[in-house]
């Protein structure tokens, strides 16, 4: 199987270089997709998920326009799912088990982060993209690619910032000057424009968590990317990253509607911040009460996603009764299962696509040929058991039957923080979506 996988990986590279027949490539891709990789050894799982992710990444790059929001194209979603599965395998294997495989596993892990960062960047998930570029650069082979992509990303997304914008511009300029030949070749106009913008001559001052009130908690929030702050993903320990400062853009509607949206956003943001604090308290504590508190916060993060869905329903005037709205189902027309027209009417609003993509991370979909990754299955499984069945927290691997799920506290914490990170990003992308939509609505649409 390993030799077969290596041949398939070589075929993926040949297709990317235009040296392989497309029909043969698609035939082999289909054959490898039909294998249940969870039953193979872990090294073959890594090779398979890496090759399958690369295959769909190649199909995506040859067939998609990166400026448009694609809701139903399987290429990008399968690419993301397979790279998620690669990370899932690595995160659940003890270090001593890798032994001779360490360097191969490490490099695949880092390369997957680079590919995910680029995919997320093109889907409006700027927050996670910045985190993943840094992780990709842990392998020095990826440093140049990561920095070049970050340069483009900083140049493109600076407009979402207010007081942080000058430092985003500074970072874009630094990376463009470091890789000047690359930018002169592929984006000379962008480079010259960005490098002409005013920017500070110094980096953002560092935050001293030890001198901060509740410094341990504040440090934990930033370390886990749980701050409602766009700059936190760029620099976790800067003074600009320690405040939950993302605000809802001014909405040009009636005063009644504006009050509704502002109140709803305040509820979403405050509920997240308080649930985040409870999660920290529960993780650091011991005993049955703290375990139950983790379970409660897990369910609470899901409820925040449903509140975001109601905000979207009201903002886009989606014809669904409020009591029927939830984050899992709002995206699709119940009659035919297609993406609702209200979303398709915003083809260039990548932040709205980012929200939909988070829905896929949390719930998956049955709307098209989509691969539900193992991380998503875990999130769904834990929620299902918490809501309807029995969850027993004790050491050991996650196990379950029809009635009971057994999970370690470490595994429950891992998934709770993962869910919290997705919810935090959804809150930021909601604000980005509204900002973009208001621009389109009142100042003219992008061409």
Protein backbone atom coordinates (compact mmCIF):
# COMPACT_ATOMS: atom_id res chain seq x y z
CA UNK A 1 0.00 0.00 0.00
CA UNK A 2 2.82 2.41 0.80
CA UNK A 3 4.41 1.88 -2.63
CA UNK A 4 1.01 2.34 -4.28
CA UNK A 5 0.54 5.59 -2.36
CA UNK A 6 3.95 6.88 -3.41
CA UNK A 7 3.04 6.26 -7.06
CA UNK A 8 -0.24 8.11 -6.59
CA UNK A 9 1.59 11.04 -4.94
CA UNK A 10 3.93 11.19 -7.93
CA UNK A 11 0.90 11.19 -10.27
CA UNK A 12 -0.58 14.13 -8.32
CA UNK A 13 2.64 16.09 -8.86
CA UNK A 14 2.71 15.20 -12.56
CA UNK A 15 -0.88 16.35 -13.01
CA UNK A 16 -0.07 19.62 -11.27
CA UNK A 17 2.80 20.16 -13.73
CA UNK A 18 0.55 19.36 -16.71
CA UNK A 19 2.35 16.09 -17.44
CA UNK A 20 -0.38 13.57 -16.63
CA UNK A 21 -3.62 12.68 -18.40
CA UNK A 22 -6.61 14.14 -16.54
CA UNK A 23 -8.85 11.09 -17.03
CA UNK A 24 -6.23 8.74 -15.64
CA UNK A 25 -5.62 11.13 -12.75
CA UNK A 26 -9.33 11.33 -11.87
CA UNK A 27 -9.67 7.54 -12.15
CA UNK A 28 -6.82 6.96 -9.69
CA UNK A 29 -8.15 9.69 -7.41
CA UNK A 30 -11.53 7.96 -7.27
CA UNK A 31 -9.88 4.61 -6.49
CA UNK A 32 -7.90 6.01 -3.57
CA UNK A 33 -10.89 7.92 -2.21
CA UNK A 34 -12.88 4.70 -1.93
CA UNK A 35 -10.37 3.14 0.47
CA UNK A 36 -11.23 3.29 4.18
CA UNK A 37 -7.99 4.85 5.37
CA UNK A 38 -8.92 4.67 9.04
CA UNK A 39 -8.21 0.93 8.84
CA UNK A 40 -4.69 1.42 7.45
CA UNK A 41 -1.55 2.00 9.51
CA UNK A 42 -0.93 5.59 10.57
CA UNK A 43 1.94 6.24 8.21
CA UNK A 44 -0.20 5.22 5.24
CA UNK A 45 -3.01 7.40 6.57
CA UNK A 46 -0.64 10.37 6.56
CA UNK A 47 0.54 9.66 3.02
CA UNK A 48 -3.02 9.15 1.80
CA UNK A 49 -4.53 12.26 3.36
CA UNK A 50 -1.60 14.34 2.13
CA UNK A 51 -1.89 13.01 -1.44
CA UNK A 52 -5.69 13.38 -1.53
CA UNK A 53 -5.50 16.92 -0.14
CA UNK A 54 -2.86 17.84 -2.74
CA UNK A 55 -4.93 16.25 -5.52
CA UNK A 56 -7.97 18.37 -4.75
CA UNK A 57 -5.78 21.41 -4.21
CA UNK A 58 -4.48 20.98 -7.77
CA UNK A 59 -8.01 20.59 -9.15
CA UNK A 60 -9.06 23.71 -7.23
CA UNK A 61 -6.17 25.82 -8.52
CA UNK A 62 -6.90 24.83 -12.13
CA UNK A 63 -10.66 25.36 -11.99
CA UNK A 64 -11.59 28.10 -9.50
CA UNK A 65 -11.55 31.88 -9.53
CA UNK A 66 -10.15 32.85 -6.12
CA UNK A 67 -12.09 36.13 -6.04
CA UNK A 68 -15.49 34.38 -5.97
CA UNK A 69 -17.36 32.66 -3.15
CA UNK A 70 -17.92 28.99 -4.04
CA UNK A 71 -20.50 27.33 -1.83
CA UNK A 72 -20.91 23.97 -3.56
CA UNK A 73 -17.59 23.16 -5.23
CA UNK A 74 -16.26 19.89 -3.83
CA UNK A 75 -12.61 20.58 -4.71
CA UNK A 76 -11.86 23.13 -2.00
CA UNK A 77 -13.93 21.39 0.67
CA UNK A 78 -12.32 18.01 0.08
CA UNK A 79 -8.87 19.59 0.10
CA UNK A 80 -9.58 21.10 3.52
CA UNK A 81 -11.15 17.90 4.90
CA UNK A 82 -8.24 15.67 3.92
CA UNK A 83 -5.68 18.03 5.42
CA UNK A 84 -7.79 18.20 8.58
CA UNK A 85 -7.66 14.41 8.71
CA UNK A 86 -3.87 14.49 8.40
CA UNK A 87 -3.66 16.80 11.41
CA UNK A 88 -6.16 14.65 13.27
CA UNK A 89 -3.91 11.62 12.89
CA UNK A 90 -0.79 13.49 14.05
CA UNK A 91 -2.50 15.04 17.07
CA UNK A 92 -3.62 11.67 18.41
CA UNK A 93 -0.37 9.72 18.21
CA UNK A 94 2.11 9.59 21.06
CA UNK A 95 5.48 11.09 20.19
CA UNK A 96 7.41 7.91 20.95
CA UNK A 97 5.34 6.03 18.36
CA UNK A 98 6.74 8.14 15.52
CA UNK A 99 10.40 7.21 16.05
CA UNK A 100 11.90 6.89 12.54
CA UNK A 101 8.80 8.48 11.00
CA UNK A 102 9.23 11.76 12.87
CA UNK A 103 10.67 13.93 10.12
CA UNK A 104 8.30 12.68 7.43
CA UNK A 105 5.32 13.18 9.72
CA UNK A 106 6.52 16.61 10.84
CA UNK A 107 7.05 17.85 7.28
CA UNK A 108 3.69 16.56 6.09
CA UNK A 109 2.08 18.21 9.12
CA UNK A 110 3.70 21.58 8.34
CA UNK A 111 3.00 21.35 4.61
CA UNK A 112 -0.65 20.62 5.33
CA UNK A 113 -0.80 23.81 7.39
CA UNK A 114 0.64 25.78 4.47
CA UNK A 115 -1.98 24.37 2.08
CA UNK A 116 -4.77 24.95 4.60
CA UNK A 117 -3.63 28.54 5.18
CA UNK A 118 -3.80 29.29 1.46
CA UNK A 119 -7.20 27.62 1.14
CA UNK A 120 -8.54 29.54 4.15
CA UNK A 121 -7.14 32.80 2.81
CA UNK A 122 -9.08 32.32 -0.43
CA UNK A 123 -12.27 31.56 1.53
CA UNK A 124 -12.19 34.63 3.74
CA UNK A 125 -10.97 32.75 6.83
CA UNK A 126 -8.17 35.26 7.39
CA UNK A 127 -7.85 34.63 11.13
CA UNK A 128 -7.01 30.94 10.83
CA UNK A 129 -4.88 31.54 7.75
CA UNK A 130 -2.49 33.73 9.77
CA UNK A 131 -2.20 31.09 12.49
CA UNK A 132 -1.51 28.34 9.97
CA UNK A 133 1.15 30.25 8.02
CA UNK A 134 3.17 30.47 11.24
CA UNK A 135 2.76 26.75 11.94
CA UNK A 136 3.77 25.91 8.37
CA UNK A 137 6.98 27.93 8.78
CA UNK A 138 8.09 25.65 11.63
CA UNK A 139 9.58 23.61 8.78
CA UNK A 140 12.22 25.86 7.23
CA UNK A 141 11.44 24.45 3.79
CA UNK A 142 8.10 26.27 3.93
CA UNK A 143 9.39 29.60 5.23
CA UNK A 144 9.59 31.44 1.90
CA UNK A 145 6.21 30.20 0.66
CA UNK A 146 4.57 31.05 3.99
CA UNK A 147 6.04 34.56 4.08
CA UNK A 148 5.14 35.33 0.46
CA UNK A 149 1.56 34.22 1.01
CA UNK A 150 1.40 36.22 4.23
CA UNK A 151 2.58 39.27 2.32
CA UNK A 152 -0.36 38.95 -0.07
CA UNK A 153 -2.71 38.28 2.80
CA UNK A 154 -1.64 41.33 4.82
CA UNK A 155 -1.91 43.51 1.73
CA UNK A 156 -5.42 42.26 0.94
CA UNK A 157 -7.02 42.22 4.39
CA UNK A 158 -5.71 45.42 5.96
CA UNK A 159 -9.04 47.19 5.44
CA UNK A 160 -10.76 45.18 8.19
CA UNK A 161 -8.56 46.91 10.79
CA UNK A 162 -8.83 50.35 12.37
CA UNK A 163 -6.06 51.32 14.80
CA UNK A 164 -4.14 48.12 13.90
CA UNK A 165 -4.03 48.90 10.17
CA UNK A 166 -0.67 50.76 10.11
CA UNK A 167 1.06 47.71 11.63
CA UNK A 168 -0.60 45.35 9.15
CA UNK A 169 0.74 47.59 6.38
CA UNK A 170 4.18 47.50 8.01
CA UNK A 171 4.18 43.69 8.03
CA UNK A 172 3.07 43.57 4.39
CA UNK A 173 5.88 45.97 3.43
CA UNK A 174 8.50 43.99 5.35
CA UNK A 175 7.57 40.72 3.62
CA UNK A 176 7.28 42.31 0.18
CA UNK A 177 10.75 43.87 0.49
CA UNK A 178 12.23 40.60 1.77
CA UNK A 179 10.81 38.72 -1.25
CA UNK A 180 10.97 41.60 -3.72
CA UNK A 181 11.81 39.44 -6.75
CA UNK A 182 8.71 37.28 -6.23
CA UNK A 183 6.38 40.26 -5.85
CA UNK A 184 7.96 42.19 -8.74
CA UNK A 185 7.35 39.16 -10.95
CA UNK A 186 3.77 38.33 -9.93
CA UNK A 187 2.24 41.50 -8.44
CA UNK A 188 4.40 44.56 -9.17
CA UNK A 189 1.48 47.01 -9.03
CA UNK A 190 0.32 45.69 -5.66
CA UNK A 191 3.85 45.79 -4.28
CA UNK A 192 4.51 49.36 -5.34
CA UNK A 193 1.12 50.51 -4.04
CA UNK A 194 1.48 48.86 -0.63
CA UNK A 195 5.11 49.88 -0.18
CA UNK A 196 4.05 53.49 -0.76
CA UNK A 197 1.54 53.52 2.08
CA UNK A 198 2.56 55.22 5.36
CA UNK A 199 3.48 52.76 8.11
CA UNK A 200 5.19 52.90 11.54
CA UNK A 201 8.95 52.55 11.72
CA UNK A 202 8.73 50.21 14.73
CA UNK A 203 6.90 47.03 15.67
CA UNK A 204 3.89 46.95 17.98
CA UNK A 205 4.97 47.09 21.67
CA UNK A 206 4.73 43.77 23.50
CA UNK A 207 2.12 42.98 26.13
CA UNK A 208 3.42 42.05 29.58
CA UNK A 209 0.92 39.48 30.87
CA UNK A 210 2.70 39.18 34.21
CA UNK A 211 1.84 42.79 35.07
CA UNK A 212 -1.72 42.52 33.83
CA UNK A 213 -4.78 41.97 36.02
CA UNK A 214 -5.65 38.25 35.75
CA UNK A 215 -2.57 37.90 33.57
CA UNK A 216 -2.64 34.08 33.49
CA UNK A 217 -6.18 34.13 32.12
CA UNK A 218 -5.42 36.85 29.57
CA UNK A 219 -2.34 34.94 28.40
CA UNK A 220 -4.40 31.73 28.03
CA UNK A 221 -6.99 33.58 25.93
CA UNK A 222 -4.37 34.90 23.51
CA UNK A 223 -2.34 31.69 23.43
CA UNK A 224 -5.45 29.77 22.33
CA UNK A 225 -6.59 32.43 19.82
CA UNK A 226 -9.82 33.08 21.72
CA UNK A 227 -9.68 36.87 21.68
CA UNK A 228 -12.32 38.69 19.62
CA UNK A 229 -9.50 40.64 18.05
CA UNK A 230 -8.23 40.36 14.48
CA UNK A 231 -4.65 41.33 15.33
CA UNK A 232 -4.33 38.44 17.82
CA UNK A 233 -3.80 36.06 14.88
CA UNK A 234 -0.98 38.22 13.58
CA UNK A 235 0.82 38.71 16.91
CA UNK A 236 -0.46 37.00 20.07
CA UNK A 237 1.68 39.02 22.47
CA UNK A 238 1.32 42.55 21.13
CA UNK A 239 -0.47 45.29 23.04
CA UNK A 240 -2.97 45.50 20.19
CA UNK A 241 -4.08 41.90 20.72
CA UNK A 242 -5.24 41.90 24.33
CA UNK A 243 -8.67 43.55 24.00
CA UNK A 244 -11.92 42.14 22.58
CA UNK A 245 -12.21 45.09 20.23
CA UNK A 246 -14.01 43.83 17.09
CA UNK A 247 -17.12 45.97 16.66
CA UNK A 248 -20.16 45.63 14.47
CA UNK A 249 -20.04 47.93 11.45
CA UNK A 250 -22.64 50.70 11.23
CA UNK A 251 -25.75 49.31 9.53
CA UNK A 252 -27.68 51.71 7.32
CA UNK A 253 -31.21 50.61 8.16
CA UNK A 254 -34.10 51.82 10.27
CA UNK A 255 -33.34 52.71 13.88
CA UNK A 256 -35.43 49.76 15.03
CA UNK A 257 -33.48 47.32 12.88
CA UNK A 258 -30.17 48.91 13.86
CA UNK A 259 -31.03 48.53 17.55
CA UNK A 260 -31.93 44.89 16.96
CA UNK A 261 -28.61 44.11 15.28
CA UNK A 262 -26.55 45.98 17.87
CA UNK A 263 -28.37 44.25 20.73
CA UNK A 264 -27.95 40.85 19.11
CA UNK A 265 -24.26 41.37 18.47
CA UNK A 266 -23.75 42.51 22.07
CA UNK A 267 -25.50 39.34 23.26
CA UNK A 268 -23.33 37.15 21.00
CA UNK A 269 -20.08 38.82 22.06
CA UNK A 270 -20.82 38.96 25.79
CA UNK A 271 -22.05 35.36 25.90
CA UNK A 272 -18.85 34.22 24.23
CA UNK A 273 -16.62 36.20 26.60
CA UNK A 274 -18.37 34.86 29.70
CA UNK A 275 -18.41 31.28 28.39
CA UNK A 276 -14.73 31.61 27.59
CA UNK A 277 -14.01 32.61 31.20
CA UNK A 278 -16.04 29.68 32.54
CA UNK A 279 -14.11 27.32 30.27
CA UNK A 280 -10.81 28.58 31.67
CA UNK A 281 -12.02 28.12 35.24
CA UNK A 282 -13.26 24.59 34.52
CA UNK A 283 -10.09 23.49 32.75
CA UNK A 284 -7.90 24.66 35.64
CA UNK A 285 -10.07 23.06 38.30
CA UNK A 286 -10.61 19.48 39.38
CA UNK A 287 -13.52 17.40 40.52
CA UNK A 288 -16.93 16.51 39.12
CA UNK A 289 -18.27 20.08 39.26
CA UNK A 290 -15.55 21.33 36.88
CA UNK A 291 -16.13 18.44 34.47
CA UNK A 292 -19.83 19.34 34.36
CA UNK A 293 -18.88 22.97 33.78
CA UNK A 294 -16.81 22.00 30.73
CA UNK A 295 -19.81 20.08 29.38
CA UNK A 296 -22.01 23.14 29.92
CA UNK A 297 -19.61 25.51 28.15
CA UNK A 298 -19.34 23.07 25.23
CA UNK A 299 -23.11 23.26 24.70
CA UNK A 300 -23.08 27.02 25.23
CA UNK A 301 -20.65 27.59 22.37
CA UNK A 302 -23.07 25.78 20.06
CA UNK A 303 -25.88 28.09 21.17
CA UNK A 304 -23.80 31.12 20.16
CA UNK A 305 -23.62 29.78 16.61
CA UNK A 306 -27.42 29.60 16.52
CA UNK A 307 -27.60 33.25 17.64
CA UNK A 308 -25.27 34.16 14.76
CA UNK A 309 -27.66 32.34 12.42
CA UNK A 310 -30.60 34.43 13.67
CA UNK A 311 -28.55 37.60 13.09
CA UNK A 312 -27.87 36.49 9.49
CA UNK A 313 -31.56 35.60 8.99
CA UNK A 314 -32.66 39.06 10.11
CA UNK A 315 -29.94 40.90 8.18
CA UNK A 316 -30.55 39.12 4.86
CA UNK A 317 -34.33 38.84 5.34
CA UNK A 318 -34.25 35.08 4.86
CA UNK A 319 -37.85 33.77 4.75
CA UNK A 320 -37.59 31.35 7.69
CA UNK A 321 -39.47 31.66 10.96
CA UNK A 322 -37.13 32.72 13.76
CA UNK A 323 -37.89 29.70 15.94
CA UNK A 324 -36.82 27.43 13.05
CA UNK A 325 -33.42 29.09 12.53
CA UNK A 326 -30.17 27.38 13.49
CA UNK A 327 -26.60 27.57 12.25
CA UNK A 328 -26.69 24.09 10.72
CA UNK A 329 -29.74 24.51 8.49
CA UNK A 330 -30.06 28.21 7.63
CA UNK A 331 -27.79 27.90 4.59
CA UNK A 332 -29.91 25.51 2.53
CA UNK A 333 -33.38 25.68 1.02
CA UNK A 334 -35.41 22.91 2.65
CA UNK A 335 -37.33 22.19 -0.56
CA UNK A 336 -34.37 21.22 -2.74
CA UNK A 337 -31.34 21.35 -0.44
CA UNK A 338 -29.59 24.01 -2.54
CA UNK A 339 -27.72 26.98 -1.07
CA UNK A 340 -30.21 29.79 -0.53
CA UNK A 341 -30.31 32.53 -3.12
CA UNK A 342 -29.84 35.14 -0.39
CA UNK A 343 -26.26 33.87 0.04
CA UNK A 344 -25.53 33.47 -3.65
CA UNK A 345 -26.43 37.14 -4.16
CA UNK A 346 -23.13 38.00 -2.41
CA UNK A 347 -20.65 36.28 -4.77
CA UNK A 348 -17.64 38.33 -3.66
CA UNK A 349 -18.33 38.49 0.08
CA UNK A 350 -15.77 35.96 1.25
CA UNK A 351 -16.57 36.57 4.92
CA UNK A 352 -20.05 35.15 4.36
CA UNK A 353 -18.44 32.14 2.68
CA UNK A 354 -16.11 31.88 5.72
CA UNK A 355 -19.16 31.57 7.98
CA UNK A 356 -20.56 28.82 5.78
CA UNK A 357 -17.21 27.05 5.84
CA UNK A 358 -17.23 27.11 9.66
CA UNK A 359 -20.65 25.49 9.46
CA UNK A 360 -19.02 22.67 7.47
CA UNK A 361 -16.30 22.34 10.14
CA UNK A 362 -18.91 22.00 12.87
CA UNK A 363 -21.75 20.13 11.16
CA UNK A 364 -20.58 18.89 7.75
CA UNK A 365 -23.19 18.75 4.98
CA UNK A 366 -25.18 16.30 2.87
CA UNK A 367 -25.77 18.83 0.10
CA UNK A 368 -23.01 17.61 -2.22
CA UNK A 369 -20.15 15.16 -2.44
CA UNK A 370 -18.47 16.29 0.78
CA UNK A 371 -16.04 14.38 3.00
CA UNK A 372 -16.81 14.86 6.70
CA UNK A 373 -13.43 14.92 8.44
CA UNK A 374 -12.64 13.23 11.73
CA UNK A 375 -12.48 16.50 13.70
CA UNK A 376 -16.04 17.33 12.65
CA UNK A 377 -17.23 13.83 13.55
CA UNK A 378 -15.78 14.24 17.05
CA UNK A 379 -17.47 17.63 17.56
CA UNK A 380 -20.82 16.25 16.41
CA UNK A 381 -20.51 13.05 18.41
CA UNK A 382 -19.68 14.82 21.68
CA UNK A 383 -22.56 17.26 21.28
CA UNK A 384 -25.02 14.47 20.47
CA UNK A 385 -24.07 12.52 23.58
CA UNK A 386 -24.07 15.62 25.81
CA UNK A 387 -27.57 16.57 24.66
CA UNK A 388 -29.25 13.17 24.52
CA UNK A 389 -27.21 10.39 26.13
CA UNK A 390 -24.51 9.64 28.72
CA UNK A 391 -21.01 11.13 28.77
CA UNK A 392 -18.51 9.58 31.19
CA UNK A 393 -15.21 11.45 31.66
CA UNK A 394 -12.28 9.23 32.63
CA UNK A 395 -8.75 8.51 31.32
CA UNK A 396 -8.32 6.55 28.11
CA UNK A 397 -9.18 6.68 24.42
CA UNK A 398 -12.57 7.96 23.30
CA UNK A 399 -15.07 5.08 23.04
CA UNK A 400 -18.82 4.97 22.51
CA UNK A 401 -21.82 2.73 21.93
CA UNK A 402 -25.49 3.51 21.35
CA UNK A 403 -25.99 4.97 24.81
CA UNK A 404 -22.69 6.12 26.34
CA UNK A 405 -19.58 8.06 25.30
CA UNK A 406 -16.39 7.64 27.34
CA UNK A 407 -13.87 10.43 26.92
CA UNK A 408 -10.83 11.73 28.82
CA UNK A 409 -10.88 15.23 30.28
CA UNK A 410 -7.94 16.11 28.00
CA UNK A 411 -9.89 15.06 24.91
CA UNK A 412 -13.00 16.93 26.07
CA UNK A 413 -10.92 20.07 26.70
CA UNK A 414 -9.23 19.74 23.29
CA UNK A 415 -12.59 19.65 21.52
CA UNK A 416 -14.09 22.40 23.68
CA UNK A 417 -11.23 24.78 22.85
CA UNK A 418 -11.42 23.77 19.18
CA UNK A 419 -15.14 24.59 19.15
CA UNK A 420 -14.53 27.87 20.99
CA UNK A 421 -11.92 28.86 18.38
CA UNK A 422 -14.41 28.25 15.57
CA UNK A 423 -17.08 30.30 17.35
CA UNK A 424 -14.63 33.14 17.98
CA UNK A 425 -13.74 33.20 14.27
CA UNK A 426 -17.44 33.11 13.34
CA UNK A 427 -18.03 36.25 15.43
CA UNK A 428 -15.20 38.09 13.65
CA UNK A 429 -16.32 36.89 10.20
CA UNK A 430 -19.88 38.03 10.99
CA UNK A 431 -18.55 41.57 11.51
CA UNK A 432 -16.42 41.31 8.36
CA UNK A 433 -19.46 40.12 6.39
CA UNK A 434 -21.59 43.04 7.57
CA UNK A 435 -18.83 45.55 6.76
CA UNK A 436 -18.50 44.19 3.23
CA UNK A 437 -22.26 43.91 2.71
CA UNK A 438 -22.85 47.49 3.86
CA UNK A 439 -20.21 48.69 1.43
CA UNK A 440 -21.90 46.79 -1.40
CA UNK A 441 -25.34 48.01 -0.39
CA UNK A 442 -24.59 51.70 -0.06
CA UNK A 443 -21.48 52.42 -2.13
CA UNK A 444 -21.87 50.09 -5.09
CA UNK A 445 -20.97 46.47 -5.73
CA UNK A 446 -17.53 45.16 -6.61
CA UNK A 447 -17.13 44.27 -10.25
